[in-house]
Amino acid sequence: MPTARIVKWGNSLAVRIPKPVAEEAGVREGDPLVIEVAAGEISLRRKQRIPTLKELVAQITPENRYDETPTGTERGKESVEW
């Protein structure tokens, strides 16, 4: 079982995660984590990441797109020239 040591980092404390543990957990530098404390125990878990708009748009395929919805004729200033 890998171990680590708490060290001072500025006014805070820090723990280095050994490379094999980070690889097994699938975490990288910059990943957001949630730190929780309960009954004197510290636990870390990956924070749920919100995908960017670019990542969401990249997932659009012809198979998962909806067809255009007809809404009738124009009645006001909604006419747009593309």
C-alpha atoms as a PDB file:
ATOM      1  CA  MET A   1       0.000   0.000   0.000  1.00  0.00           C
ATOM      2  CA  PRO A   2       1.528   3.351  -1.049  1.00  0.00           C
ATOM      3  CA  THR A   3       1.968   5.982   1.649  1.00  0.00           C
ATOM      4  CA  ALA A   4       2.442   9.742   1.565  1.00  0.00           C
ATOM      5  CA  ARG A   5       3.509  12.495   3.921  1.00  0.00           C
ATOM      6  CA  ILE A   6       1.832  15.817   4.659  1.00  0.00           C
ATOM      7  CA  VAL A   7       4.120  18.780   3.887  1.00  0.00           C
ATOM      8  CA  LYS A   8       3.773  22.549   4.284  1.00  0.00           C
ATOM      9  CA  TRP A   9       2.940  24.452   1.088  1.00  0.00           C
ATOM     10  CA  GLY A  10       2.665  28.191   1.743  1.00  0.00           C
ATOM     11  CA  ASN A  11       0.092  28.610   4.506  1.00  0.00           C
ATOM     12  CA  SER A  12      -1.555  25.285   3.644  1.00  0.00           C
ATOM     13  CA  LEU A  13      -0.698  21.611   3.860  1.00  0.00           C
ATOM     14  CA  ALA A  14      -0.228  19.363   0.846  1.00  0.00           C
ATOM     15  CA  VAL A  15      -0.014  15.672   0.005  1.00  0.00           C
ATOM     16  CA  ARG A  16       1.673  14.282  -3.101  1.00  0.00           C
ATOM     17  CA  ILE A  17      -0.211  11.457  -4.739  1.00  0.00           C
ATOM     18  CA  PRO A  18       2.201   8.754  -5.923  1.00  0.00           C
ATOM     19  CA  LYS A  19       2.196   8.248  -9.704  1.00  0.00           C
ATOM     20  CA  PRO A  20       0.897   4.633  -9.617  1.00  0.00           C
ATOM     21  CA  VAL A  21      -2.023   5.699  -7.400  1.00  0.00           C
ATOM     22  CA  ALA A  22      -2.860   8.666  -9.660  1.00  0.00           C
ATOM     23  CA  GLU A  23      -2.725   6.444 -12.749  1.00  0.00           C
ATOM     24  CA  GLU A  24      -4.956   3.815 -11.169  1.00  0.00           C
ATOM     25  CA  ALA A  25      -7.452   6.490 -10.084  1.00  0.00           C
ATOM     26  CA  GLY A  26      -7.290   8.160 -13.492  1.00  0.00           C
ATOM     27  CA  VAL A  27      -6.491  11.627 -12.134  1.00  0.00           C
ATOM     28  CA  ARG A  28      -4.186  14.194 -13.692  1.00  0.00           C
ATOM     29  CA  GLU A  29      -2.731  17.544 -12.728  1.00  0.00           C
ATOM     30  CA  GLY A  30      -5.464  20.161 -12.647  1.00  0.00           C
ATOM     31  CA  ASP A  31      -8.357  17.745 -12.083  1.00  0.00           C
ATOM     32  CA  PRO A  32     -10.846  19.148  -9.541  1.00  0.00           C
ATOM     33  CA  LEU A  33     -11.275  17.143  -6.333  1.00  0.00           C
ATOM     34  CA  VAL A  34     -13.707  17.376  -3.427  1.00  0.00           C
ATOM     35  CA  ILE A  35     -12.140  17.115   0.049  1.00  0.00           C
ATOM     36  CA  GLU A  36     -14.411  15.772   2.788  1.00  0.00           C
ATOM     37  CA  VAL A  37     -13.775  15.281   6.484  1.00  0.00           C
ATOM     38  CA  ALA A  38     -15.822  12.922   8.666  1.00  0.00           C
ATOM     39  CA  ALA A  39     -14.958  11.384  12.018  1.00  0.00           C
ATOM     40  CA  GLY A  40     -11.351  12.555  11.769  1.00  0.00           C
ATOM     41  CA  GLU A  41     -10.862  10.950   8.325  1.00  0.00           C
ATOM     42  CA  ILE A  42      -9.986  12.894   5.167  1.00  0.00           C
ATOM     43  CA  SER A  43     -11.312  11.595   1.880  1.00  0.00           C
ATOM     44  CA  LEU A  44     -10.816  12.799  -1.682  1.00  0.00           C
ATOM     45  CA  ARG A  45     -13.139  12.179  -4.592  1.00  0.00           C
ATOM     46  CA  ARG A  46     -13.255  13.423  -8.132  1.00  0.00           C
ATOM     47  CA  LYS A  47     -15.536  16.435  -8.569  1.00  0.00           C
ATOM     48  CA  GLN A  48     -18.201  15.939 -11.196  1.00  0.00           C
ATOM     49  CA  ARG A  49     -16.930  17.858 -14.184  1.00  0.00           C
ATOM     50  CA  ILE A  50     -19.294  19.920 -16.308  1.00  0.00           C
ATOM     51  CA  PRO A  51     -18.497  19.385 -19.989  1.00  0.00           C
ATOM     52  CA  THR A  52     -17.719  22.428 -22.130  1.00  0.00           C
ATOM     53  CA  LEU A  53     -19.995  23.512 -24.955  1.00  0.00           C
ATOM     54  CA  LYS A  54     -17.302  22.447 -27.431  1.00  0.00           C
ATOM     55  CA  GLU A  55     -17.274  18.914 -25.931  1.00  0.00           C
ATOM     56  CA  LEU A  56     -21.074  18.695 -26.053  1.00  0.00           C
ATOM     57  CA  VAL A  57     -21.277  19.909 -29.659  1.00  0.00           C
ATOM     58  CA  ALA A  58     -18.602  17.384 -30.653  1.00  0.00           C
ATOM     59  CA  GLN A  59     -20.999  14.617 -29.563  1.00  0.00           C
ATOM     60  CA  ILE A  60     -23.716  15.670 -32.043  1.00  0.00           C
ATOM     61  CA  THR A  61     -24.136  13.192 -34.876  1.00  0.00           C
ATOM     62  CA  PRO A  62     -26.770  12.843 -37.608  1.00  0.00           C
ATOM     63  CA  GLU A  63     -28.193   9.874 -35.657  1.00  0.00           C
ATOM     64  CA  ASN A  64     -28.840  11.838 -32.441  1.00  0.00           C
ATOM     65  CA  ARG A  65     -30.163  15.072 -33.996  1.00  0.00           C
ATOM     66  CA  TYR A  66     -33.825  16.011 -33.971  1.00  0.00           C
ATOM     67  CA  ASP A  67     -35.565  16.980 -37.189  1.00  0.00           C
ATOM     68  CA  GLU A  68     -36.507  20.609 -37.698  1.00  0.00           C
ATOM     69  CA  THR A  69     -39.816  21.469 -36.073  1.00  0.00           C
ATOM     70  CA  PRO A  70     -42.205  23.440 -38.305  1.00  0.00           C
ATOM     71  CA  THR A  71     -43.743  26.375 -36.436  1.00  0.00           C
ATOM     72  CA  GLY A  72     -45.861  27.943 -39.172  1.00  0.00           C
ATOM     73  CA  THR A  73     -45.422  31.161 -41.075  1.00  0.00           C
ATOM     74  CA  GLU A  74     -43.542  34.165 -39.752  1.00  0.00           C
ATOM     75  CA  ARG A  75     -45.761  36.536 -37.774  1.00  0.00           C
ATOM     76  CA  GLY A  76     -43.389  39.175 -36.472  1.00  0.00           C
ATOM     77  CA  LYS A  77     -39.723  40.073 -36.443  1.00  0.00           C
ATOM     78  CA  GLU A  78     -38.469  36.485 -36.171  1.00  0.00           C
ATOM     79  CA  SER A  79     -37.370  36.352 -39.821  1.00  0.00           C
ATOM     80  CA  VAL A  80     -33.592  35.936 -39.967  1.00  0.00           C
ATOM     81  CA  GLU A  81     -31.445  35.800 -43.085  1.00  0.00           C
ATOM     82  CA  TRP A  82     -28.659  33.244 -42.674  1.00  0.00           C
END
